[in-house]
Amino acid sequence: MTEDFRSQRGDRAPGDQRQHEASDLDARGAGLTMGALAAMVVIVCVLVAGLFLWFGTIRQPPALRPPHSAAPPLQTDEPLDRRAIEARARARLAGIDEAMRQTAAAGWDAPR
């Protein structure tokens, strides 16, 4: 059942009893190419993971804690506190009133 056949390389040599076409691809070269490709993929993955670690996006963020602050002082005497607040406000306004009187006496466009 051996009949002659033609391959892309031409006719078989006389006495060649192979029933298939010779391979155009070297198995060792293909294995080395696939190995090199797999190594490059692994290297790129390791580099990307290293960059993520370097810039901190893979690391776990620190646990959020509420900011530590002292408790506000309690109001012990509301009328006394209110009088103190009003006295400070009147003192500031008195300074403004005096400045307005000086500005009005000197004239609005007077150099200061």
Protein backbone atom coordinates (compact mmCIF):
# COMPACT_ATOMS: atom_id res chain seq x y z
CA MET A 1 0.00 0.00 0.00
CA THR A 2 2.84 2.32 -0.43
CA GLU A 3 2.06 4.67 -3.20
CA ASP A 4 4.15 7.58 -4.27
CA PHE A 5 3.22 11.03 -3.11
CA ARG A 6 4.68 14.46 -3.58
CA SER A 7 5.53 16.87 -0.82
CA GLN A 8 6.29 20.55 -0.90
CA ARG A 9 9.94 19.62 -0.90
CA GLY A 10 9.62 17.51 -3.97
CA ASP A 11 9.65 13.76 -4.53
CA ARG A 12 10.87 11.30 -1.96
CA ALA A 13 14.33 9.94 -2.27
CA PRO A 14 14.57 6.47 -3.75
CA GLY A 15 14.33 3.83 -1.04
CA ASP A 16 12.54 6.12 1.46
CA GLN A 17 9.71 4.05 2.92
CA ARG A 18 8.10 6.76 5.09
CA GLN A 19 4.38 7.13 4.66
CA HIS A 20 4.22 10.73 5.85
CA GLU A 21 5.70 14.04 4.93
CA ALA A 22 8.80 15.15 6.77
CA SER A 23 8.18 17.91 9.30
CA ASP A 24 9.05 21.48 8.36
CA LEU A 25 9.44 22.44 12.02
CA ASP A 26 12.32 21.55 14.29
CA ALA A 27 10.91 20.19 17.56
CA ARG A 28 13.85 21.42 19.63
CA GLY A 29 13.55 24.96 18.25
CA ALA A 30 9.80 24.99 18.89
CA GLY A 31 10.36 23.82 22.47
CA LEU A 32 12.97 26.51 23.08
CA THR A 33 10.70 29.17 21.60
CA MET A 34 7.76 28.14 23.79
CA GLY A 35 10.01 28.01 26.85
CA ALA A 36 11.36 31.49 26.12
CA LEU A 37 7.82 32.81 25.64
CA ALA A 38 6.68 31.28 28.94
CA ALA A 39 9.74 32.72 30.72
CA MET A 40 9.00 36.20 29.35
CA VAL A 41 5.37 35.99 30.53
CA VAL A 42 6.53 34.97 34.02
CA ILE A 43 9.12 37.78 34.11
CA VAL A 44 6.52 40.38 33.08
CA CYS A 45 4.08 39.12 35.73
CA VAL A 46 6.76 39.31 38.41
CA LEU A 47 7.72 42.82 37.31
CA VAL A 48 4.11 44.03 37.38
CA ALA A 49 3.59 42.52 40.84
CA GLY A 50 6.82 44.18 42.00
CA LEU A 51 5.63 47.56 40.73
CA PHE A 52 2.32 47.15 42.54
CA LEU A 53 4.18 46.33 45.74
CA TRP A 54 6.61 49.21 45.21
CA PHE A 55 3.84 51.77 44.76
CA GLY A 56 1.70 50.26 47.52
CA THR A 57 -1.55 49.37 45.82
CA ILE A 58 -1.41 45.71 46.77
CA ARG A 59 -0.44 46.33 50.39
CA GLN A 60 -3.28 46.46 52.88
CA PRO A 61 -4.12 50.01 53.97
CA PRO A 62 -3.67 50.73 57.65
CA ALA A 63 -6.75 50.23 59.77
CA LEU A 64 -8.72 53.42 60.13
CA ARG A 65 -8.87 54.68 63.68
CA PRO A 66 -10.91 57.63 64.81
CA PRO A 67 -8.72 60.66 65.48
CA HIS A 68 -7.79 61.05 69.12
CA SER A 69 -9.17 64.25 70.57
CA ALA A 70 -9.79 65.50 74.04
CA ALA A 71 -13.38 65.71 75.11
CA PRO A 72 -14.84 69.20 74.91
CA PRO A 73 -15.15 70.99 78.20
CA LEU A 74 -18.61 70.86 79.73
CA GLN A 75 -20.54 74.06 80.19
CA THR A 76 -20.93 74.55 83.91
CA ASP A 77 -22.55 78.00 84.08
CA GLU A 78 -24.46 79.00 80.97
CA PRO A 79 -25.36 82.59 82.00
CA LEU A 80 -21.73 83.32 82.97
CA ASP A 81 -20.46 81.90 79.65
CA ARG A 82 -23.03 83.91 77.72
CA ARG A 83 -22.00 87.15 79.46
CA ALA A 84 -18.32 86.46 78.64
CA ILE A 85 -19.11 85.85 74.97
CA GLU A 86 -21.16 89.04 74.74
CA ALA A 87 -18.43 91.07 76.49
CA ARG A 88 -15.83 89.88 73.96
CA ALA A 89 -18.17 90.76 71.09
CA ARG A 90 -18.84 94.26 72.51
CA ALA A 91 -15.09 94.88 72.90
CA ARG A 92 -14.50 94.02 69.25
CA LEU A 93 -17.41 96.17 68.13
CA ALA A 94 -16.20 99.08 70.26
CA GLY A 95 -12.89 98.94 68.36
CA ILE A 96 -14.78 99.01 65.09
CA ASP A 97 -16.94 101.92 66.22
CA GLU A 98 -13.82 103.91 67.16
CA ALA A 99 -12.22 103.16 63.79
CA MET A 100 -15.39 104.27 61.99
CA ARG A 101 -15.46 107.54 63.98
CA GLN A 102 -11.82 108.24 63.06
CA THR A 103 -12.50 107.46 59.39
CA ALA A 104 -15.56 109.72 59.35
CA ALA A 105 -13.65 112.55 61.07
CA ALA A 106 -10.70 112.34 58.66
CA GLY A 107 -12.83 111.84 55.55
CA TRP A 108 -13.32 108.69 53.56
CA ASP A 109 -10.57 109.43 51.04
CA ALA A 110 -7.97 110.56 53.58
CA PRO A 111 -4.62 108.68 53.46
CA ARG A 112 -4.12 106.29 56.31
